[in-house]
Amino acid sequence: RLRERPYATNAIIRGEPGTGKEGLAHTLHELMHPDGGPLVSVSTAGRPEESVALELFGSWPRHKGDRPVDGAVGEADEGTLVLDEVIGLSPALQRRLLDLVKRGRYHREFEDRERVAQVNVIVITDGSLLGEVQAGRFRHDLFHKLARLDLVLPPLRERPEDVPGAARWMANRVR
């Protein structure tokens, strides 16, 4: 079931707002999955833990007539999961994310059965994830699993030659 890929890893992309972190995440995905593969993005910033857990991991029906929900991890299987801003994730969600990146295992909300997913995780952040580790608010083992590639994008004001390409990328996104 596992598809061989030329290059696959997890990554952290850091930089000020508007530097093109999301565009770089898309480019990394295309490099890691040249034959295609799902790309699923989830913003976790400022959201309640329950909401993020349901969106990431999905849920098993709690009531008769409800349908199971795959969640972003299930949708991103054999592809890439982009997490926008993991600073502030609860310790419980950090542990679940560590299980995913370390073992390729997760479970839906309200379900005990363990599921398998082959997912590359790319985290994009405006802040210092390493600073959060040093302050004891983010797991060091999760940081090191995510930081296989640790990329810093300088602000566009320091790389004016990239402004036309960034503008084209933004214009294509709006369509």
N, C-alpha and C. Protein backbone atom coordinates (compact mmCIF):
# COMPACT_ATOMS: atom_id res chain seq x y z
N ARG A 1 0.81 -1.20 0.00
CA ARG A 1 0.00 0.00 0.00
C ARG A 1 0.85 1.25 0.00
N LEU A 2 2.02 1.22 0.59
CA LEU A 2 2.85 2.41 0.64
C LEU A 2 3.50 2.66 -0.72
N ARG A 3 3.32 3.84 -1.22
CA ARG A 3 3.84 4.22 -2.52
C ARG A 3 5.24 4.79 -2.36
N GLU A 4 6.16 4.31 -3.15
CA GLU A 4 7.53 4.82 -3.09
C GLU A 4 7.58 6.18 -3.77
N ARG A 5 8.27 7.11 -3.12
CA ARG A 5 8.39 8.46 -3.65
C ARG A 5 9.86 8.83 -3.70
N PRO A 6 10.22 9.71 -4.63
CA PRO A 6 11.63 10.07 -4.76
C PRO A 6 12.16 10.81 -3.52
N TYR A 7 11.30 11.59 -2.87
CA TYR A 7 11.73 12.36 -1.73
C TYR A 7 10.50 12.68 -0.89
N ALA A 8 10.56 12.37 0.37
CA ALA A 8 9.43 12.65 1.25
C ALA A 8 9.96 12.97 2.64
N THR A 9 9.43 14.03 3.22
CA THR A 9 9.86 14.42 4.56
C THR A 9 8.81 15.34 5.18
N ASN A 10 9.05 15.71 6.42
CA ASN A 10 8.25 16.73 7.10
C ASN A 10 9.06 18.02 7.07
N ALA A 11 8.39 19.15 7.25
CA ALA A 11 9.09 20.43 7.16
C ALA A 11 8.41 21.49 8.01
N ILE A 12 9.21 22.45 8.42
CA ILE A 12 8.71 23.67 9.04
C ILE A 12 9.13 24.82 8.14
N ILE A 13 8.19 25.68 7.81
CA ILE A 13 8.47 26.87 7.01
C ILE A 13 8.12 28.07 7.87
N ARG A 14 9.13 28.91 8.11
CA ARG A 14 8.94 30.08 8.98
C ARG A 14 9.15 31.36 8.19
N GLY A 15 8.46 32.40 8.63
CA GLY A 15 8.65 33.71 8.02
C GLY A 15 7.52 34.65 8.39
N GLU A 16 7.74 35.91 8.13
CA GLU A 16 6.73 36.92 8.41
C GLU A 16 5.48 36.67 7.57
N PRO A 17 4.33 37.21 7.99
CA PRO A 17 3.14 37.11 7.15
C PRO A 17 3.41 37.69 5.77
N GLY A 18 2.90 37.02 4.75
CA GLY A 18 3.04 37.51 3.39
C GLY A 18 4.34 37.17 2.69
N THR A 19 5.15 36.30 3.28
CA THR A 19 6.45 35.97 2.65
C THR A 19 6.34 34.86 1.62
N GLY A 20 5.21 34.17 1.55
CA GLY A 20 5.06 33.10 0.56
C GLY A 20 5.22 31.72 1.15
N LYS A 21 4.98 31.58 2.44
CA LYS A 21 5.14 30.27 3.10
C LYS A 21 4.18 29.23 2.51
N GLU A 22 2.96 29.63 2.26
CA GLU A 22 1.98 28.69 1.70
C GLU A 22 2.38 28.26 0.28
N GLY A 23 2.88 29.20 -0.50
CA GLY A 23 3.35 28.86 -1.86
C GLY A 23 4.51 27.88 -1.81
N LEU A 24 5.44 28.09 -0.87
CA LEU A 24 6.56 27.16 -0.72
C LEU A 24 6.07 25.79 -0.28
N ALA A 25 5.07 25.75 0.59
CA ALA A 25 4.50 24.47 1.02
C ALA A 25 3.92 23.72 -0.18
N HIS A 26 3.24 24.43 -1.07
CA HIS A 26 2.69 23.80 -2.28
C HIS A 26 3.80 23.28 -3.18
N THR A 27 4.88 24.06 -3.30
CA THR A 27 6.02 23.62 -4.12
C THR A 27 6.66 22.37 -3.54
N LEU A 28 6.87 22.34 -2.22
CA LEU A 28 7.42 21.15 -1.58
C LEU A 28 6.53 19.94 -1.83
N HIS A 29 5.23 20.14 -1.70
CA HIS A 29 4.29 19.04 -1.97
C HIS A 29 4.47 18.51 -3.39
N GLU A 30 4.55 19.40 -4.36
CA GLU A 30 4.70 18.98 -5.75
C GLU A 30 6.01 18.23 -5.96
N LEU A 31 7.07 18.64 -5.27
CA LEU A 31 8.35 17.94 -5.38
C LEU A 31 8.29 16.55 -4.74
N MET A 32 7.58 16.44 -3.63
CA MET A 32 7.49 15.15 -2.93
C MET A 32 6.49 14.21 -3.58
N HIS A 33 5.56 14.76 -4.32
CA HIS A 33 4.51 13.95 -4.96
C HIS A 33 4.38 14.33 -6.44
N PRO A 34 5.41 14.04 -7.24
CA PRO A 34 5.39 14.45 -8.64
C PRO A 34 4.27 13.81 -9.45
N ASP A 35 3.78 12.65 -9.02
CA ASP A 35 2.68 11.99 -9.72
C ASP A 35 1.32 12.32 -9.14
N GLY A 36 1.29 13.31 -8.29
CA GLY A 36 0.04 13.70 -7.65
C GLY A 36 -0.03 13.19 -6.23
N GLY A 37 -1.11 13.42 -5.61
CA GLY A 37 -1.31 13.09 -4.20
C GLY A 37 -2.04 14.25 -3.57
N PRO A 38 -2.88 13.98 -2.60
CA PRO A 38 -3.68 15.05 -2.01
C PRO A 38 -2.84 16.04 -1.23
N LEU A 39 -3.27 17.27 -1.25
CA LEU A 39 -2.70 18.35 -0.45
C LEU A 39 -3.85 18.94 0.35
N VAL A 40 -3.77 18.82 1.67
CA VAL A 40 -4.84 19.29 2.54
C VAL A 40 -4.26 20.28 3.53
N SER A 41 -4.88 21.44 3.64
CA SER A 41 -4.41 22.49 4.55
C SER A 41 -5.41 22.70 5.68
N VAL A 42 -4.88 22.88 6.89
CA VAL A 42 -5.71 23.15 8.06
C VAL A 42 -5.06 24.29 8.85
N SER A 43 -5.86 25.29 9.17
CA SER A 43 -5.40 26.37 10.04
C SER A 43 -5.82 26.03 11.46
N THR A 44 -4.86 26.03 12.37
CA THR A 44 -5.16 25.68 13.76
C THR A 44 -5.15 26.90 14.68
N ALA A 45 -4.74 28.04 14.18
CA ALA A 45 -4.53 29.24 15.02
C ALA A 45 -5.80 29.69 15.70
N GLY A 46 -5.72 29.82 17.02
CA GLY A 46 -6.81 30.41 17.79
C GLY A 46 -8.10 29.63 17.82
N ARG A 47 -8.06 28.37 17.48
CA ARG A 47 -9.28 27.57 17.44
C ARG A 47 -9.35 26.65 18.65
N PRO A 48 -10.56 26.31 19.10
CA PRO A 48 -10.69 25.39 20.23
C PRO A 48 -10.14 24.01 19.90
N GLU A 49 -9.59 23.35 20.91
CA GLU A 49 -8.98 22.03 20.73
C GLU A 49 -9.94 21.03 20.07
N GLU A 50 -11.19 21.01 20.51
CA GLU A 50 -12.15 20.05 19.97
C GLU A 50 -12.38 20.25 18.48
N SER A 51 -12.45 21.51 18.07
CA SER A 51 -12.67 21.84 16.66
C SER A 51 -11.48 21.40 15.81
N VAL A 52 -10.27 21.67 16.28
CA VAL A 52 -9.06 21.28 15.55
C VAL A 52 -8.96 19.76 15.49
N ALA A 53 -9.23 19.08 16.60
CA ALA A 53 -9.16 17.61 16.62
C ALA A 53 -10.13 16.99 15.63
N LEU A 54 -11.35 17.49 15.59
CA LEU A 54 -12.34 16.96 14.64
C LEU A 54 -11.91 17.21 13.20
N GLU A 55 -11.42 18.42 12.91
CA GLU A 55 -11.01 18.71 11.54
C GLU A 55 -9.79 17.88 11.13
N LEU A 56 -8.84 17.72 12.04
CA LEU A 56 -7.63 16.96 11.71
C LEU A 56 -7.89 15.46 11.60
N PHE A 57 -8.48 14.90 12.63
CA PHE A 57 -8.54 13.44 12.73
C PHE A 57 -9.89 12.84 12.35
N GLY A 58 -10.90 13.65 12.17
CA GLY A 58 -12.21 13.13 11.82
C GLY A 58 -12.91 12.56 13.03
N SER A 59 -14.06 11.93 12.79
CA SER A 59 -14.81 11.38 13.91
C SER A 59 -15.60 10.16 13.49
N TRP A 60 -15.84 9.33 14.46
CA TRP A 60 -16.70 8.18 14.31
C TRP A 60 -18.08 8.60 14.77
N PRO A 61 -19.14 8.10 14.14
CA PRO A 61 -20.49 8.53 14.53
C PRO A 61 -20.79 8.26 16.01
N ARG A 62 -21.31 9.25 16.67
CA ARG A 62 -21.72 9.07 18.06
C ARG A 62 -23.20 8.72 18.17
N HIS A 63 -23.96 9.08 17.17
CA HIS A 63 -25.41 8.86 17.21
C HIS A 63 -25.85 8.11 15.96
N LYS A 64 -26.87 7.34 16.10
CA LYS A 64 -27.42 6.59 14.96
C LYS A 64 -27.82 7.58 13.86
N GLY A 65 -27.44 7.26 12.66
CA GLY A 65 -27.74 8.13 11.53
C GLY A 65 -26.61 9.09 11.18
N ASP A 66 -25.68 9.32 12.11
CA ASP A 66 -24.52 10.16 11.80
C ASP A 66 -23.58 9.38 10.88
N ARG A 67 -22.82 10.10 10.11
CA ARG A 67 -21.85 9.47 9.21
C ARG A 67 -20.44 9.69 9.75
N PRO A 68 -19.54 8.72 9.49
CA PRO A 68 -18.14 8.95 9.88
C PRO A 68 -17.54 10.08 9.04
N VAL A 69 -16.60 10.79 9.62
CA VAL A 69 -15.91 11.88 8.94
C VAL A 69 -14.43 11.53 8.89
N ASP A 70 -13.84 11.56 7.68
CA ASP A 70 -12.43 11.19 7.53
C ASP A 70 -11.50 12.15 8.24
N GLY A 71 -11.73 13.42 8.12
CA GLY A 71 -10.80 14.41 8.66
C GLY A 71 -9.65 14.65 7.70
N ALA A 72 -8.88 15.68 7.98
CA ALA A 72 -7.79 16.10 7.09
C ALA A 72 -6.71 15.03 6.97
N VAL A 73 -6.41 14.33 8.06
CA VAL A 73 -5.37 13.30 8.00
C VAL A 73 -5.78 12.19 7.03
N GLY A 74 -7.01 11.71 7.14
CA GLY A 74 -7.50 10.69 6.22
C GLY A 74 -7.53 11.18 4.79
N GLU A 75 -7.92 12.43 4.59
CA GLU A 75 -7.96 13.00 3.24
C GLU A 75 -6.57 13.17 2.66
N ALA A 76 -5.58 13.42 3.51
CA ALA A 76 -4.21 13.67 3.05
C ALA A 76 -3.39 12.39 2.91
N ASP A 77 -3.97 11.23 3.19
CA ASP A 77 -3.23 9.97 3.10
C ASP A 77 -2.56 9.85 1.74
N GLU A 78 -1.28 9.49 1.76
CA GLU A 78 -0.42 9.39 0.57
C GLU A 78 -0.18 10.76 -0.07
N GLY A 79 -0.27 11.80 0.75
CA GLY A 79 -0.05 13.15 0.27
C GLY A 79 0.56 14.00 1.35
N THR A 80 0.14 15.26 1.39
CA THR A 80 0.72 16.24 2.29
C THR A 80 -0.36 16.93 3.10
N LEU A 81 -0.08 17.07 4.39
CA LEU A 81 -0.94 17.82 5.31
C LEU A 81 -0.19 19.09 5.68
N VAL A 82 -0.75 20.24 5.36
CA VAL A 82 -0.15 21.52 5.70
C VAL A 82 -0.90 22.08 6.91
N LEU A 83 -0.15 22.33 7.98
CA LEU A 83 -0.74 22.88 9.20
C LEU A 83 -0.27 24.32 9.34
N ASP A 84 -1.22 25.23 9.30
CA ASP A 84 -0.91 26.65 9.44
C ASP A 84 -1.00 27.01 10.92
N GLU A 85 0.17 27.29 11.50
CA GLU A 85 0.29 27.79 12.86
C GLU A 85 -0.06 26.76 13.93
N VAL A 86 0.90 25.91 14.27
CA VAL A 86 0.71 24.91 15.35
C VAL A 86 1.08 25.46 16.72
N ILE A 87 1.64 26.68 16.75
CA ILE A 87 1.92 27.29 18.06
C ILE A 87 0.59 27.46 18.78
N GLY A 88 0.53 26.98 19.98
CA GLY A 88 -0.70 27.06 20.76
C GLY A 88 -1.50 25.76 20.77
N LEU A 89 -1.05 24.73 20.02
CA LEU A 89 -1.74 23.44 20.08
C LEU A 89 -1.64 22.88 21.49
N SER A 90 -2.70 22.27 21.95
CA SER A 90 -2.72 21.68 23.29
C SER A 90 -1.73 20.52 23.36
N PRO A 91 -1.28 20.19 24.58
CA PRO A 91 -0.40 19.02 24.73
C PRO A 91 -1.02 17.73 24.18
N ALA A 92 -2.33 17.56 24.34
CA ALA A 92 -2.99 16.34 23.83
C ALA A 92 -2.92 16.29 22.30
N LEU A 93 -3.17 17.41 21.63
CA LEU A 93 -3.08 17.43 20.17
C LEU A 93 -1.65 17.28 19.70
N GLN A 94 -0.69 17.84 20.44
CA GLN A 94 0.71 17.65 20.08
C GLN A 94 1.07 16.16 20.16
N ARG A 95 0.58 15.47 21.17
CA ARG A 95 0.85 14.03 21.31
C ARG A 95 0.26 13.25 20.14
N ARG A 96 -0.96 13.58 19.75
CA ARG A 96 -1.60 12.89 18.63
C ARG A 96 -0.87 13.18 17.32
N LEU A 97 -0.42 14.41 17.16
CA LEU A 97 0.34 14.76 15.95
C LEU A 97 1.68 14.03 15.94
N LEU A 98 2.31 13.89 17.10
CA LEU A 98 3.56 13.13 17.19
C LEU A 98 3.35 11.68 16.77
N ASP A 99 2.26 11.05 17.22
CA ASP A 99 1.96 9.68 16.80
C ASP A 99 1.83 9.58 15.28
N LEU A 100 1.23 10.60 14.69
CA LEU A 100 1.07 10.60 13.23
C LEU A 100 2.41 10.71 12.53
N VAL A 101 3.25 11.67 12.92
CA VAL A 101 4.51 11.86 12.19
C VAL A 101 5.55 10.81 12.54
N LYS A 102 5.46 10.23 13.72
CA LYS A 102 6.45 9.24 14.14
C LYS A 102 6.09 7.83 13.68
N ARG A 103 4.82 7.46 13.80
CA ARG A 103 4.41 6.09 13.54
C ARG A 103 3.43 5.95 12.38
N GLY A 104 2.94 7.07 11.86
CA GLY A 104 1.94 6.99 10.80
C GLY A 104 0.61 6.46 11.30
N ARG A 105 0.33 6.68 12.57
CA ARG A 105 -0.90 6.15 13.20
C ARG A 105 -1.73 7.28 13.80
N TYR A 106 -3.04 7.11 13.77
CA TYR A 106 -3.95 8.08 14.39
C TYR A 106 -5.27 7.39 14.64
N HIS A 107 -6.15 8.07 15.36
CA HIS A 107 -7.52 7.58 15.52
C HIS A 107 -8.48 8.75 15.44
N ARG A 108 -9.67 8.45 14.94
CA ARG A 108 -10.71 9.46 14.85
C ARG A 108 -11.25 9.76 16.25
N GLU A 109 -11.88 10.90 16.38
CA GLU A 109 -12.57 11.20 17.63
C GLU A 109 -13.68 10.16 17.83
N PHE A 110 -13.89 9.75 19.06
CA PHE A 110 -14.94 8.81 19.46
C PHE A 110 -14.73 7.41 18.88
N GLU A 111 -13.49 7.08 18.50
CA GLU A 111 -13.20 5.76 17.94
C GLU A 111 -11.90 5.25 18.56
N ASP A 112 -11.89 4.00 18.95
CA ASP A 112 -10.71 3.41 19.55
C ASP A 112 -9.77 2.78 18.53
N ARG A 113 -10.31 2.40 17.38
CA ARG A 113 -9.51 1.72 16.36
C ARG A 113 -8.42 2.63 15.83
N GLU A 114 -7.21 2.09 15.77
CA GLU A 114 -6.08 2.84 15.24
C GLU A 114 -6.10 2.78 13.71
N ARG A 115 -5.83 3.90 13.09
CA ARG A 115 -5.79 4.00 11.64
C ARG A 115 -4.36 4.30 11.19
N VAL A 116 -4.09 4.03 9.91
CA VAL A 116 -2.76 4.24 9.35
C VAL A 116 -2.87 5.29 8.25
N ALA A 117 -1.90 6.20 8.21
CA ALA A 117 -1.86 7.20 7.14
C ALA A 117 -0.40 7.52 6.81
N GLN A 118 -0.11 7.55 5.53
CA GLN A 118 1.22 7.95 5.06
C GLN A 118 1.09 9.42 4.63
N VAL A 119 1.55 10.29 5.52
CA VAL A 119 1.34 11.72 5.33
C VAL A 119 2.64 12.47 5.61
N ASN A 120 3.00 13.38 4.71
CA ASN A 120 4.06 14.34 4.99
C ASN A 120 3.40 15.54 5.64
N VAL A 121 3.98 16.04 6.71
CA VAL A 121 3.41 17.19 7.42
C VAL A 121 4.32 18.39 7.21
N ILE A 122 3.73 19.46 6.72
CA ILE A 122 4.44 20.73 6.57
C ILE A 122 3.75 21.73 7.48
N VAL A 123 4.52 22.32 8.36
CA VAL A 123 4.01 23.34 9.28
C VAL A 123 4.47 24.69 8.78
N ILE A 124 3.53 25.64 8.66
CA ILE A 124 3.92 27.00 8.32
C ILE A 124 3.58 27.88 9.53
N THR A 125 4.52 28.77 9.86
CA THR A 125 4.34 29.58 11.07
C THR A 125 4.98 30.95 10.92
N ASP A 126 4.38 31.92 11.58
CA ASP A 126 4.94 33.27 11.66
C ASP A 126 5.85 33.39 12.87
N GLY A 127 5.69 32.48 13.83
CA GLY A 127 6.41 32.58 15.09
C GLY A 127 7.61 31.65 15.16
N SER A 128 8.19 31.58 16.35
CA SER A 128 9.35 30.74 16.57
C SER A 128 8.94 29.46 17.28
N LEU A 129 8.84 28.39 16.53
CA LEU A 129 8.49 27.10 17.11
C LEU A 129 9.60 26.63 18.05
N LEU A 130 10.84 26.89 17.69
CA LEU A 130 11.96 26.54 18.57
C LEU A 130 11.86 27.31 19.89
N GLY A 131 11.47 28.56 19.83
CA GLY A 131 11.26 29.35 21.04
C GLY A 131 10.19 28.74 21.93
N GLU A 132 9.14 28.20 21.30
CA GLU A 132 8.08 27.53 22.05
C GLU A 132 8.59 26.25 22.71
N VAL A 133 9.48 25.54 22.02
CA VAL A 133 10.10 24.34 22.60
C VAL A 133 10.94 24.75 23.81
N GLN A 134 11.74 25.78 23.64
CA GLN A 134 12.61 26.23 24.73
C GLN A 134 11.81 26.74 25.93
N ALA A 135 10.63 27.28 25.68
CA ALA A 135 9.77 27.77 26.76
C ALA A 135 8.94 26.64 27.38
N GLY A 136 9.04 25.43 26.81
CA GLY A 136 8.31 24.30 27.37
C GLY A 136 6.85 24.21 26.94
N ARG A 137 6.47 24.96 25.91
CA ARG A 137 5.07 24.94 25.44
C ARG A 137 4.85 24.06 24.23
N PHE A 138 5.94 23.57 23.63
CA PHE A 138 5.82 22.70 22.47
C PHE A 138 6.80 21.54 22.64
N ARG A 139 6.33 20.36 22.31
CA ARG A 139 7.14 19.14 22.51
C ARG A 139 8.40 19.17 21.66
N HIS A 140 9.55 18.91 22.30
CA HIS A 140 10.81 18.90 21.56
C HIS A 140 10.87 17.74 20.58
N ASP A 141 10.31 16.56 20.95
CA ASP A 141 10.36 15.42 20.04
C ASP A 141 9.50 15.66 18.80
N LEU A 142 8.37 16.32 18.97
CA LEU A 142 7.53 16.66 17.82
C LEU A 142 8.23 17.69 16.94
N PHE A 143 8.84 18.70 17.57
CA PHE A 143 9.58 19.70 16.81
C PHE A 143 10.64 19.03 15.93
N HIS A 144 11.42 18.12 16.49
CA HIS A 144 12.50 17.49 15.73
C HIS A 144 11.97 16.58 14.63
N LYS A 145 10.83 15.95 14.83
CA LYS A 145 10.23 15.15 13.76
C LYS A 145 9.71 16.04 12.63
N LEU A 146 9.19 17.21 12.99
CA LEU A 146 8.67 18.13 11.97
C LEU A 146 9.78 18.88 11.25
N ALA A 147 10.88 19.14 11.93
CA ALA A 147 11.94 20.01 11.40
C ALA A 147 12.97 19.24 10.59
N ARG A 148 12.56 18.21 9.86
CA ARG A 148 13.50 17.54 8.96
C ARG A 148 14.03 18.53 7.95
N LEU A 149 13.16 19.40 7.50
CA LEU A 149 13.56 20.60 6.74
C LEU A 149 13.08 21.78 7.57
N ASP A 150 13.95 22.69 7.89
CA ASP A 150 13.59 23.88 8.65
C ASP A 150 13.95 25.08 7.78
N LEU A 151 12.94 25.62 7.13
CA LEU A 151 13.17 26.66 6.12
C LEU A 151 12.69 28.02 6.63
N VAL A 152 13.48 29.03 6.41
CA VAL A 152 13.12 30.39 6.80
C VAL A 152 13.02 31.24 5.53
N LEU A 153 11.86 31.85 5.33
CA LEU A 153 11.67 32.74 4.19
C LEU A 153 11.87 34.18 4.64
N PRO A 154 12.84 34.87 4.07
CA PRO A 154 13.00 36.29 4.42
C PRO A 154 11.81 37.08 3.89
N PRO A 155 11.55 38.24 4.48
CA PRO A 155 10.43 39.05 4.00
C PRO A 155 10.65 39.52 2.56
N LEU A 156 9.55 39.76 1.87
CA LEU A 156 9.62 40.20 0.47
C LEU A 156 10.40 41.50 0.31
N ARG A 157 10.41 42.34 1.32
CA ARG A 157 11.16 43.60 1.21
C ARG A 157 12.66 43.34 1.05
N GLU A 158 13.11 42.15 1.46
CA GLU A 158 14.52 41.78 1.32
C GLU A 158 14.79 41.00 0.04
N ARG A 159 13.75 40.70 -0.71
CA ARG A 159 13.92 39.97 -1.97
C ARG A 159 12.93 40.49 -3.02
N PRO A 160 13.11 41.73 -3.45
CA PRO A 160 12.17 42.36 -4.38
C PRO A 160 12.03 41.61 -5.70
N GLU A 161 13.04 40.84 -6.08
CA GLU A 161 12.94 40.07 -7.34
C GLU A 161 11.83 39.02 -7.30
N ASP A 162 11.37 38.66 -6.10
CA ASP A 162 10.32 37.66 -5.96
C ASP A 162 8.91 38.25 -5.98
N VAL A 163 8.79 39.57 -5.93
CA VAL A 163 7.48 40.21 -5.85
C VAL A 163 6.60 39.86 -7.06
N PRO A 164 7.08 39.93 -8.31
CA PRO A 164 6.21 39.58 -9.45
C PRO A 164 5.68 38.14 -9.37
N GLY A 165 6.54 37.19 -9.02
CA GLY A 165 6.09 35.80 -8.89
C GLY A 165 5.09 35.62 -7.77
N ALA A 166 5.30 36.30 -6.66
CA ALA A 166 4.37 36.22 -5.54
C ALA A 166 3.02 36.81 -5.93
N ALA A 167 3.05 37.91 -6.68
CA ALA A 167 1.80 38.53 -7.13
C ALA A 167 1.04 37.60 -8.07
N ARG A 168 1.76 36.93 -8.99
CA ARG A 168 1.09 35.98 -9.90
C ARG A 168 0.48 34.84 -9.12
N TRP A 169 1.22 34.32 -8.13
CA TRP A 169 0.72 33.19 -7.34
C TRP A 169 -0.55 33.61 -6.60
N MET A 170 -0.55 34.81 -5.99
CA MET A 170 -1.73 35.29 -5.28
C MET A 170 -2.91 35.49 -6.23
N ALA A 171 -2.65 36.03 -7.42
CA ALA A 171 -3.72 36.25 -8.39
C ALA A 171 -4.34 34.92 -8.82
N ASN A 172 -3.52 33.90 -9.01
CA ASN A 172 -4.04 32.58 -9.39
C ASN A 172 -4.85 31.95 -8.26
N ARG A 173 -4.50 32.24 -7.02
CA ARG A 173 -5.21 31.70 -5.86
C ARG A 173 -6.61 32.26 -5.75
N VAL A 174 -6.78 33.53 -6.13
CA VAL A 174 -8.05 34.22 -5.99
C VAL A 174 -9.09 33.71 -6.98
N ARG A 175 -8.62 33.23 -8.12
CA ARG A 175 -9.56 32.78 -9.18
C ARG A 175 -10.40 31.63 -8.77
